[in-house]
Amino acid sequence: MTHPDPTRWNTRYDTQGYLFGEEPNVFLQAHAAGLTPGTALCVADGEGRNGVWLARRGWDVVSLDFSEVAQRKAAALAERHGVPLRLEHGDVHAWPYPLAAYDLVADVFTQFSSPGGRARKWAGMVRAVKPGGHLIVVGYTPKQLEHRTGGPSEAANLYTATLLRSAFGGLEILTLDEIETELAEGPGHIGMSAVAILVARAPG
């Protein structure tokens, strides 16, 4: 797979409820809760659960995604909570990530691209973090193929601590772990899950 298909994701998101729920990812919530609000970029933010949560905490959030259906739902979620959310429609592999623009860049379960596409996305994310800013990545590990409770079916799309350390070795790694835990994030992520978590800080 070279790039994810926006038509497929529009179809997946075209439901009455929220595919991954309305609450933020628990790992993003745990690691971002103690940060001072500033500017944030949520990569492939989908229906907006993570971006809206950050906005509710006072962050100035850019929510990047390529699904028009998801972004309509993200806008509705932000409106319900009475918070601003800046929607950017674009492909996370080709989007022009601005230099040193964000205090926080979050990439949560964005695992439907080729290794080459993933490398371009991650390089853009590193470019976009301000000096002293934070980057949070959450993704399934290969052990998730045993659980089959969400995520991609191709091993090449899954993350390991070794992969994350290699990709983000130029940053100060604060947290890097692989765990197994129960998730309950809408119908899309539910049940025992194998997850890798990276929290890193840009030099400066």
Foldseek 3Di string as FASTA:
>chain_A
DAADDLVVVLVVCPDPAGAQAQADDPVCCVVCVPDDAEEEEEEQCFLQSHVLVSQLVPHAYEYEHQHPSSVVNNVVSNVVVVGDYHYDHDGLLPDQQAAQAGLEYEYEAPQPHAPVSVLSNLVSVLRNHHAFGKYKYKHAAPCQCVVPQAHDNDNRRGDALVRVCVSPVQWAWDDWDWDWDADDGHSHGGGITIMIMTMTTHHD
